[in-house]
N, C-alpha and C. Protein backbone atom coordinates (compact mmCIF):
# COMPACT_ATOMS: atom_id res chain seq x y z
N MET A 1 0.84 -1.17 0.00
CA MET A 1 -0.01 -0.01 0.00
C MET A 1 0.90 1.24 0.00
N ILE A 2 0.62 2.14 -0.89
CA ILE A 2 1.37 3.40 -0.98
C ILE A 2 0.80 4.42 0.02
N HIS A 3 1.66 5.06 0.77
CA HIS A 3 1.22 6.06 1.72
C HIS A 3 0.95 7.36 0.99
N ASN A 4 -0.17 7.99 1.30
CA ASN A 4 -0.53 9.26 0.68
C ASN A 4 -0.92 10.32 1.70
N VAL A 5 -0.61 10.11 2.97
CA VAL A 5 -0.91 11.06 4.04
C VAL A 5 0.41 11.49 4.66
N GLY A 6 0.71 12.78 4.63
CA GLY A 6 1.96 13.30 5.17
C GLY A 6 1.95 13.42 6.69
N THR A 7 3.09 13.82 7.22
CA THR A 7 3.27 13.87 8.68
C THR A 7 2.31 14.84 9.36
N GLN A 8 2.22 16.05 8.85
CA GLN A 8 1.31 17.03 9.47
C GLN A 8 -0.14 16.56 9.37
N ASP A 9 -0.51 16.04 8.22
CA ASP A 9 -1.85 15.54 8.01
C ASP A 9 -2.13 14.38 8.98
N ARG A 10 -1.15 13.49 9.17
CA ARG A 10 -1.30 12.38 10.13
C ARG A 10 -1.58 12.89 11.54
N LEU A 11 -0.77 13.85 12.00
CA LEU A 11 -0.93 14.38 13.35
C LEU A 11 -2.31 15.00 13.53
N ILE A 12 -2.76 15.72 12.54
CA ILE A 12 -4.07 16.38 12.60
C ILE A 12 -5.17 15.31 12.64
N ARG A 13 -5.07 14.29 11.78
CA ARG A 13 -6.07 13.24 11.74
C ARG A 13 -6.12 12.47 13.06
N ILE A 14 -4.96 12.13 13.60
CA ILE A 14 -4.91 11.36 14.84
C ILE A 14 -5.49 12.18 16.01
N THR A 15 -5.10 13.45 16.07
CA THR A 15 -5.59 14.32 17.13
C THR A 15 -7.13 14.50 17.04
N LEU A 16 -7.59 14.85 15.85
CA LEU A 16 -9.04 15.02 15.68
C LEU A 16 -9.79 13.71 15.85
N GLY A 17 -9.20 12.62 15.39
CA GLY A 17 -9.81 11.32 15.57
C GLY A 17 -10.05 10.96 17.01
N LEU A 18 -9.00 11.17 17.83
CA LEU A 18 -9.13 10.90 19.26
C LEU A 18 -10.16 11.84 19.90
N PHE A 19 -10.15 13.11 19.49
CA PHE A 19 -11.10 14.09 20.04
C PHE A 19 -12.53 13.66 19.70
N PHE A 20 -12.81 13.36 18.43
CA PHE A 20 -14.17 12.98 18.03
C PHE A 20 -14.59 11.66 18.66
N LEU A 21 -13.65 10.75 18.80
CA LEU A 21 -13.98 9.47 19.41
C LEU A 21 -14.37 9.66 20.89
N ILE A 22 -13.62 10.48 21.58
CA ILE A 22 -13.95 10.77 22.99
C ILE A 22 -15.29 11.47 23.11
N ILE A 23 -15.53 12.48 22.27
CA ILE A 23 -16.80 13.18 22.31
C ILE A 23 -17.96 12.25 21.99
N GLY A 24 -17.78 11.41 20.95
CA GLY A 24 -18.83 10.48 20.54
C GLY A 24 -19.16 9.47 21.66
N LEU A 25 -18.13 8.97 22.32
CA LEU A 25 -18.37 8.00 23.38
C LEU A 25 -18.97 8.66 24.64
N ASN A 26 -18.60 9.91 24.87
CA ASN A 26 -19.17 10.63 26.01
C ASN A 26 -20.62 11.01 25.81
N THR A 27 -21.04 11.27 24.57
CA THR A 27 -22.43 11.61 24.31
C THR A 27 -23.30 10.36 24.27
N GLY A 28 -22.67 9.23 24.13
CA GLY A 28 -23.43 7.98 24.12
C GLY A 28 -23.50 7.40 22.73
N ILE A 29 -22.93 6.23 22.56
CA ILE A 29 -22.88 5.58 21.23
C ILE A 29 -24.30 5.11 20.81
N THR A 30 -25.24 5.07 21.74
CA THR A 30 -26.58 4.64 21.38
C THR A 30 -27.36 5.75 20.69
N THR A 31 -26.93 7.00 20.80
CA THR A 31 -27.61 8.08 20.10
C THR A 31 -27.04 8.19 18.68
N LEU A 32 -27.81 8.70 17.78
CA LEU A 32 -27.37 8.83 16.39
C LEU A 32 -26.20 9.79 16.31
N TRP A 33 -26.26 10.89 17.03
CA TRP A 33 -25.16 11.89 17.03
C TRP A 33 -23.87 11.23 17.57
N GLY A 34 -23.97 10.52 18.67
CA GLY A 34 -22.80 9.85 19.25
C GLY A 34 -22.21 8.82 18.30
N LEU A 35 -23.05 8.08 17.60
CA LEU A 35 -22.59 7.06 16.66
C LEU A 35 -21.86 7.69 15.49
N ILE A 36 -22.44 8.76 14.93
CA ILE A 36 -21.81 9.45 13.78
C ILE A 36 -20.47 10.04 14.14
N VAL A 37 -20.41 10.72 15.26
CA VAL A 37 -19.17 11.34 15.71
C VAL A 37 -18.12 10.29 16.02
N SER A 38 -18.52 9.17 16.60
CA SER A 38 -17.58 8.11 16.89
C SER A 38 -17.02 7.47 15.60
N ILE A 39 -17.89 7.29 14.61
CA ILE A 39 -17.42 6.70 13.33
C ILE A 39 -16.45 7.66 12.64
N VAL A 40 -16.77 8.95 12.63
CA VAL A 40 -15.87 9.94 12.03
C VAL A 40 -14.50 9.88 12.75
N GLY A 41 -14.55 9.80 14.09
CA GLY A 41 -13.30 9.70 14.85
C GLY A 41 -12.52 8.47 14.53
N LEU A 42 -13.18 7.33 14.41
CA LEU A 42 -12.50 6.09 14.06
C LEU A 42 -11.85 6.13 12.70
N VAL A 43 -12.58 6.67 11.74
CA VAL A 43 -12.03 6.78 10.36
C VAL A 43 -10.83 7.69 10.34
N ALA A 44 -10.91 8.83 11.00
CA ALA A 44 -9.77 9.77 11.04
C ALA A 44 -8.59 9.13 11.73
N LEU A 45 -8.84 8.44 12.83
CA LEU A 45 -7.78 7.79 13.57
C LEU A 45 -7.12 6.66 12.74
N ALA A 46 -7.94 5.90 12.08
CA ALA A 46 -7.43 4.80 11.24
C ALA A 46 -6.61 5.31 10.05
N THR A 47 -7.13 6.30 9.35
CA THR A 47 -6.39 6.81 8.18
C THR A 47 -5.09 7.51 8.61
N GLY A 48 -5.11 8.14 9.77
CA GLY A 48 -3.89 8.78 10.27
C GLY A 48 -2.88 7.76 10.71
N SER A 49 -3.34 6.68 11.31
CA SER A 49 -2.45 5.64 11.83
C SER A 49 -1.73 4.87 10.72
N ILE A 50 -2.46 4.59 9.64
CA ILE A 50 -1.84 3.81 8.57
C ILE A 50 -1.28 4.66 7.45
N SER A 51 -1.43 5.99 7.54
CA SER A 51 -0.92 6.92 6.53
C SER A 51 -1.48 6.71 5.15
N PHE A 52 -2.70 6.23 5.08
CA PHE A 52 -3.35 6.03 3.79
C PHE A 52 -4.80 6.45 3.88
N CYS A 53 -5.22 7.24 2.90
CA CYS A 53 -6.60 7.72 2.83
C CYS A 53 -7.21 7.28 1.50
N PRO A 54 -8.25 6.42 1.53
CA PRO A 54 -8.88 5.99 0.29
C PRO A 54 -9.47 7.15 -0.53
N ALA A 55 -9.99 8.18 0.17
CA ALA A 55 -10.56 9.33 -0.55
C ALA A 55 -9.45 10.08 -1.30
N TYR A 56 -8.25 10.17 -0.70
CA TYR A 56 -7.14 10.79 -1.40
C TYR A 56 -6.78 9.99 -2.65
N LYS A 57 -6.82 8.66 -2.54
CA LYS A 57 -6.49 7.79 -3.65
C LYS A 57 -7.45 8.00 -4.80
N ILE A 58 -8.74 8.06 -4.48
CA ILE A 58 -9.77 8.24 -5.50
C ILE A 58 -9.65 9.59 -6.21
N THR A 59 -9.36 10.64 -5.43
CA THR A 59 -9.29 11.99 -6.00
C THR A 59 -7.89 12.33 -6.53
N GLY A 60 -6.89 11.50 -6.25
CA GLY A 60 -5.55 11.74 -6.73
C GLY A 60 -4.75 12.68 -5.86
N LEU A 61 -5.22 12.97 -4.66
CA LEU A 61 -4.52 13.86 -3.77
C LEU A 61 -3.39 13.12 -3.04
N ASN A 62 -2.40 13.88 -2.59
CA ASN A 62 -1.28 13.29 -1.87
C ASN A 62 -0.66 14.36 -1.01
N SER A 63 -0.80 14.24 0.33
CA SER A 63 -0.23 15.24 1.22
C SER A 63 1.16 14.82 1.69
N LYS A 64 1.63 13.65 1.29
CA LYS A 64 2.92 13.17 1.69
C LYS A 64 4.06 13.89 0.98
N GLY A 65 3.84 14.21 -0.28
CA GLY A 65 4.87 14.90 -1.05
C GLY A 65 6.11 14.05 -1.22
N SER A 66 7.26 14.67 -1.03
CA SER A 66 8.52 13.94 -1.19
C SER A 66 9.24 13.78 0.14
N GLU A 67 8.50 13.53 1.22
CA GLU A 67 9.07 13.39 2.54
C GLU A 67 9.97 12.18 2.62
């Protein structure tokens, strides 16, 4: 798998992912709002952790550059 998420992008995704996951779990995963926020947090955390974003692949974006 080719990495397409750069270092700054990774840090932002991981930070926001953790934030959204905590907020989603605190509001309650049984509510629709809590579920949506938790899923967004998990996706951001996962894409930041593995340095790959499927949406970037589809659109041809690459924040990694020549790092």
